[in-house]
Amino acid sequence: MATSQTQPFHFFAGNTPLLISIPHVGTDLTPQVEAGLSEAARPLPDTDWHLTRLYDFAGALGASVLGARYSRFVIDLNRPPDDKPLYATATTGLYPDILFDGTPAFLPGKAPDDSQKAFALSEIWRPYHEKIGDELKRLKQRFGYAVLFDAHSIRGHIPRLFEGDLPDFNIGTHEGKSCDAGLTQRLAEICAAPGYRHVVNGRFKGGYITRNYGEPANGIHAVQLELAQRTYMQEALPFDYIEAQARKVQPILKRFVEVLIGFKPR
């Protein structure tokens, strides 16, 4: 992917109607956040590790790809700018101060102050979302519609967030509001692969990106996929990519992306 050091993201421009957003893959930290992280948070455990590697086929298929440079511990790009909770159940906010398991993310008195939060909002969050908006506008002007795929991954067992083990593929379409129903059905059929479990609009129904940009009536279809990390990596330190596992799930993900690219609204 082409990298711009003047922007808080990596971006590759494709030639199909699909934009893939990967908002939680970033690992860069601002100096203040890096100095304040707790020991538990220093390894950046809630990162969507290795997703650009897992989806490395996307550019060759013609998808545009947008990936975060900065860690979600600086600011969470998949939360609304007013930090309004997206779920009634346990979650984390725009400026996460706890890990998914409830452990403090910062040392006492070392969490970002208001000026640091304002900087992250204006210099990291807003440019990322402006890029989403600009790219969706470009794609819609060229093709008459656009498709947004928000790609995520997460540990499959986090009792604070959900009971039991998470299905392997968790498709979110804001309860059907952000994406064509027929497209959602086709994606679910792809995820119903032997040896894997899937769910549509289960614990993860789509975050801010899916909910904010998905407007099927306006020609923009958005879907989120929360992938259980056990399908391609080691979920605990050192968070290694497991090639043998990844090779099994990549054909499914590739077909998922191909269907998104080939989708044409009626």
Protein backbone atom coordinates (compact mmCIF):
# COMPACT_ATOMS: atom_id res chain seq x y z
CA MET A 1 0.00 0.00 0.00
CA ALA A 2 1.21 3.51 -0.75
CA THR A 3 1.97 5.40 2.44
CA SER A 4 1.72 9.13 3.00
CA GLN A 5 3.71 10.31 6.00
CA THR A 6 1.70 13.55 5.98
CA GLN A 7 -1.56 11.71 6.58
CA PRO A 8 -2.65 9.57 9.57
CA PHE A 9 -3.56 6.69 7.27
CA HIS A 10 -2.35 4.47 4.46
CA PHE A 11 -4.38 4.53 1.24
CA PHE A 12 -4.46 2.63 -2.02
CA ALA A 13 -6.83 3.80 -4.75
CA GLY A 14 -8.60 1.01 -6.59
CA ASN A 15 -10.68 0.82 -9.75
CA THR A 16 -13.85 -0.92 -8.54
CA PRO A 17 -16.84 0.35 -6.52
CA LEU A 18 -15.41 -1.12 -3.28
CA LEU A 19 -13.61 0.73 -0.47
CA ILE A 20 -12.16 -1.38 2.35
CA SER A 21 -11.65 0.47 5.63
CA ILE A 22 -9.38 -1.04 8.31
CA PRO A 23 -9.64 1.42 11.22
CA HIS A 24 -8.07 -0.63 14.03
CA VAL A 25 -4.91 -1.96 12.38
CA GLY A 26 -2.78 1.04 13.38
CA THR A 27 0.02 0.80 15.94
CA ASP A 28 1.54 4.31 15.93
CA LEU A 29 1.25 6.26 19.17
CA THR A 30 1.49 9.92 20.03
CA PRO A 31 4.26 10.65 22.57
CA GLN A 32 1.75 11.44 25.32
CA VAL A 33 -0.23 8.25 24.83
CA GLU A 34 2.91 6.12 24.62
CA ALA A 35 4.24 7.59 27.88
CA GLY A 36 0.96 7.01 29.70
CA LEU A 37 0.04 3.46 28.71
CA SER A 38 -0.24 0.86 31.45
CA GLU A 39 1.91 -2.25 31.34
CA ALA A 40 -1.09 -4.26 30.20
CA ALA A 41 -1.76 -1.87 27.33
CA ARG A 42 1.82 -1.45 26.07
CA PRO A 43 1.63 -4.53 23.80
CA LEU A 44 -1.50 -2.95 22.21
CA PRO A 45 -3.60 -6.07 22.84
CA ASP A 46 -6.85 -4.78 21.30
CA THR A 47 -5.31 -4.12 17.90
CA ASP A 48 -6.78 -5.73 14.77
CA TRP A 49 -3.44 -7.38 14.08
CA HIS A 50 -2.18 -8.30 10.59
CA LEU A 51 -5.35 -7.40 8.70
CA THR A 52 -3.51 -5.63 5.88
CA ARG A 53 -1.51 -8.84 5.43
CA LEU A 54 -4.58 -11.03 5.61
CA TYR A 55 -6.34 -8.91 2.97
CA ASP A 56 -3.24 -8.39 0.84
CA PHE A 57 -5.14 -9.70 -2.20
CA ALA A 58 -7.65 -6.83 -2.13
CA GLY A 59 -5.64 -4.31 -4.14
CA ALA A 60 -5.06 -6.77 -6.97
CA LEU A 61 -8.84 -7.33 -7.12
CA GLY A 62 -9.32 -3.59 -7.62
CA ALA A 63 -10.54 -2.53 -4.18
CA SER A 64 -9.52 0.77 -2.66
CA VAL A 65 -7.96 0.17 0.76
CA LEU A 66 -7.78 2.64 3.65
CA GLY A 67 -5.89 1.65 6.80
CA ALA A 68 -5.21 3.49 10.05
CA ARG A 69 -1.67 4.39 11.10
CA TYR A 70 -2.50 5.27 14.71
CA SER A 71 -3.57 2.89 17.43
CA ARG A 72 -7.10 2.92 18.77
CA PHE A 73 -5.56 3.89 22.13
CA VAL A 74 -4.89 7.32 20.62
CA ILE A 75 -8.41 7.57 19.21
CA ASP A 76 -10.94 5.01 18.00
CA LEU A 77 -11.84 5.70 14.38
CA ASN A 78 -14.94 3.52 14.61
CA ARG A 79 -16.65 5.63 17.27
CA PRO A 80 -18.75 8.79 16.74
CA PRO A 81 -17.04 12.13 17.36
CA ASP A 82 -19.45 12.91 20.21
CA ASP A 83 -18.47 9.59 21.86
CA LYS A 84 -22.08 8.47 22.14
CA PRO A 85 -22.16 4.73 23.01
CA LEU A 86 -23.04 2.44 20.12
CA TYR A 87 -24.02 -0.52 22.29
CA ALA A 88 -26.02 -0.80 25.50
CA THR A 89 -23.69 -3.61 26.55
CA ALA A 90 -20.04 -3.24 27.62
CA THR A 91 -17.87 -1.44 25.07
CA THR A 92 -15.03 1.08 24.76
CA GLY A 93 -15.24 4.71 23.72
CA LEU A 94 -13.72 7.26 21.37
CA TYR A 95 -10.74 7.63 23.70
CA PRO A 96 -10.38 4.12 25.18
CA ASP A 97 -9.21 4.19 28.79
CA ILE A 98 -9.73 0.48 29.42
CA LEU A 99 -8.87 -2.68 27.55
CA PHE A 100 -11.60 -4.98 26.27
CA ASP A 101 -11.26 -7.06 29.43
CA GLY A 102 -11.73 -4.00 31.67
CA THR A 103 -8.07 -3.51 32.62
CA PRO A 104 -6.99 0.18 32.79
CA ALA A 105 -5.23 1.28 29.61
CA PHE A 106 -3.34 4.13 31.29
CA LEU A 107 -1.28 4.66 34.38
CA PRO A 108 -3.01 6.70 37.13
CA GLY A 109 -3.21 10.33 36.06
CA LYS A 110 -1.60 9.62 32.68
CA ALA A 111 -4.64 9.36 30.40
CA PRO A 112 -4.74 11.92 27.55
CA ASP A 113 -5.93 15.36 28.61
CA ASP A 114 -8.48 17.48 26.77
CA SER A 115 -5.91 19.12 24.51
CA GLN A 116 -4.48 15.75 23.47
CA LYS A 117 -7.96 14.44 22.75
CA ALA A 118 -8.78 17.53 20.67
CA PHE A 119 -5.57 17.02 18.67
CA ALA A 120 -6.40 13.36 18.00
CA LEU A 121 -9.93 14.26 16.91
CA SER A 122 -8.86 16.98 14.48
CA GLU A 123 -5.60 15.51 13.16
CA ILE A 124 -6.33 11.75 13.13
CA TRP A 125 -10.06 11.02 13.33
CA ARG A 126 -11.30 13.74 10.99
CA PRO A 127 -8.77 13.13 8.18
CA TYR A 128 -9.61 9.42 8.19
CA HIS A 129 -13.31 10.10 7.89
CA GLU A 130 -12.81 12.84 5.33
CA LYS A 131 -10.92 10.25 3.25
CA ILE A 132 -13.79 7.77 3.57
CA GLY A 133 -16.24 10.45 2.47
CA ASP A 134 -14.08 11.63 -0.41
CA GLU A 135 -13.45 8.10 -1.70
CA LEU A 136 -17.10 7.08 -1.47
CA LYS A 137 -17.98 10.24 -3.37
CA ARG A 138 -15.41 9.41 -6.06
CA LEU A 139 -16.64 5.85 -6.40
CA LYS A 140 -20.27 6.87 -6.53
CA GLN A 141 -19.56 9.46 -9.19
CA ARG A 142 -17.73 6.88 -11.29
CA PHE A 143 -19.98 3.86 -10.84
CA GLY A 144 -23.28 5.33 -9.70
CA TYR A 145 -22.99 3.61 -6.32
CA ALA A 146 -20.31 2.58 -3.80
CA VAL A 147 -19.70 -0.31 -1.42
CA LEU A 148 -17.92 0.10 1.92
CA PHE A 149 -16.41 -2.88 3.73
CA ASP A 150 -15.26 -2.15 7.29
CA ALA A 151 -12.80 -4.92 8.22
CA HIS A 152 -12.12 -5.87 11.82
CA SER A 153 -10.83 -8.72 13.97
CA ILE A 154 -11.04 -9.53 17.66
CA ARG A 155 -10.17 -12.23 20.17
CA GLY A 156 -12.78 -14.93 20.16
CA HIS A 157 -13.24 -15.07 23.94
CA ILE A 158 -13.75 -11.82 25.90
CA PRO A 159 -16.25 -12.44 28.72
CA ARG A 160 -16.68 -8.71 29.44
CA LEU A 161 -17.94 -8.09 25.90
CA PHE A 162 -19.83 -11.27 25.06
CA GLU A 163 -20.72 -14.68 26.46
CA GLY A 164 -18.96 -17.82 25.28
CA ASP A 165 -16.88 -17.99 22.13
CA LEU A 166 -17.54 -15.57 19.29
CA PRO A 167 -18.46 -17.07 15.91
CA ASP A 168 -15.66 -16.96 13.34
CA PHE A 169 -17.45 -14.53 11.01
CA ASN A 170 -19.58 -11.75 12.49
CA ILE A 171 -21.36 -9.76 9.79
CA GLY A 172 -22.85 -6.42 10.81
CA THR A 173 -25.25 -4.32 8.73
CA HIS A 174 -26.90 -2.18 11.43
CA GLU A 175 -29.80 -4.60 11.58
CA GLY A 176 -30.17 -4.48 7.80
CA LYS A 177 -30.18 -0.67 7.55
CA SER A 178 -26.72 -0.20 5.99
CA CYS A 179 -26.67 -2.82 3.23
CA ASP A 180 -28.84 -4.49 0.60
CA ALA A 181 -30.53 -7.58 2.05
CA GLY A 182 -29.65 -9.76 -0.92
CA LEU A 183 -25.98 -8.84 -0.65
CA THR A 184 -26.02 -9.62 3.05
CA GLN A 185 -27.51 -13.04 2.33
CA ARG A 186 -24.80 -13.82 -0.24
CA LEU A 187 -22.07 -12.80 2.19
CA ALA A 188 -23.59 -14.98 4.90
CA GLU A 189 -23.65 -17.94 2.52
CA ILE A 190 -19.94 -17.48 1.86
CA CYS A 191 -19.23 -17.43 5.58
CA ALA A 192 -21.20 -20.66 6.08
CA ALA A 193 -18.08 -22.57 5.04
CA PRO A 194 -17.35 -26.01 6.51
CA GLY A 195 -15.50 -25.78 9.80
CA TYR A 196 -16.52 -22.18 10.50
CA ARG A 197 -19.40 -20.49 12.32
CA HIS A 198 -21.02 -17.21 11.35
CA VAL A 199 -23.74 -14.82 12.48
CA VAL A 200 -25.43 -11.75 11.01
CA ASN A 201 -26.09 -8.80 13.31
CA GLY A 202 -25.19 -10.72 16.44
CA ARG A 203 -23.01 -9.13 19.11
CA PHE A 204 -21.38 -6.91 16.46
CA LYS A 205 -23.91 -5.07 14.32
CA GLY A 206 -21.51 -2.56 12.76
CA GLY A 207 -19.79 0.37 14.41
CA TYR A 208 -19.90 4.06 13.60
CA ILE A 209 -18.37 3.67 10.14
CA THR A 210 -20.96 1.14 8.99
CA ARG A 211 -23.86 3.00 10.57
CA ASN A 212 -22.80 6.47 9.46
CA TYR A 213 -21.93 5.80 5.83
CA GLY A 214 -24.27 2.97 4.90
CA GLU A 215 -27.21 4.52 3.02
CA PRO A 216 -28.58 1.99 0.54
CA ALA A 217 -31.28 4.43 -0.58
CA ASN A 218 -28.51 6.87 -1.47
CA GLY A 219 -26.43 4.28 -3.31
CA ILE A 220 -23.92 3.47 -0.58
CA HIS A 221 -23.93 -0.03 0.91
CA ALA A 222 -21.83 -0.69 4.02
CA VAL A 223 -21.03 -3.93 5.83
CA GLN A 224 -18.73 -4.76 8.73
CA LEU A 225 -16.99 -8.07 9.29
CA GLU A 226 -15.64 -8.82 12.74
CA LEU A 227 -13.37 -11.82 12.25
CA ALA A 228 -12.37 -14.03 15.18
CA GLN A 229 -8.59 -13.78 15.37
CA ARG A 230 -8.17 -17.48 16.03
CA THR A 231 -8.88 -18.00 12.33
CA TYR A 232 -5.51 -16.54 11.32
CA MET A 233 -3.30 -15.61 14.29
CA GLN A 234 -2.26 -16.23 17.87
CA GLU A 235 -4.72 -14.36 20.06
CA ALA A 236 -2.30 -13.91 22.97
CA LEU A 237 1.20 -12.45 23.08
CA PRO A 238 3.20 -12.27 20.88
CA PHE A 239 0.17 -12.06 18.53
CA ASP A 240 1.91 -14.00 15.76
CA TYR A 241 0.39 -14.47 12.32
CA ILE A 242 -0.24 -18.18 11.76
CA GLU A 243 0.31 -18.87 8.08
CA ALA A 244 -1.36 -22.28 8.05
CA GLN A 245 -4.54 -20.89 9.59
CA ALA A 246 -4.52 -17.82 7.39
CA ARG A 247 -4.26 -19.90 4.22
CA LYS A 248 -7.48 -21.67 5.19
CA VAL A 249 -9.53 -18.54 5.81
CA GLN A 250 -8.14 -16.32 3.05
CA PRO A 251 -10.06 -18.01 0.21
CA ILE A 252 -13.29 -17.30 2.09
CA LEU A 253 -12.31 -13.68 2.65
CA LYS A 254 -11.27 -13.34 -0.97
CA ARG A 255 -14.66 -14.62 -2.12
CA PHE A 256 -16.30 -12.23 0.37
CA VAL A 257 -14.44 -9.30 -1.20
CA GLU A 258 -15.15 -10.52 -4.74
CA VAL A 259 -18.88 -10.57 -4.03
CA LEU A 260 -18.70 -7.04 -2.63
CA ILE A 261 -16.87 -5.89 -5.75
CA GLY A 262 -19.33 -7.65 -8.07
CA PHE A 263 -22.44 -6.36 -6.32
CA LYS A 264 -24.67 -4.06 -8.36
CA PRO A 265 -27.75 -2.45 -6.79
CA ARG A 266 -31.04 -3.11 -8.52
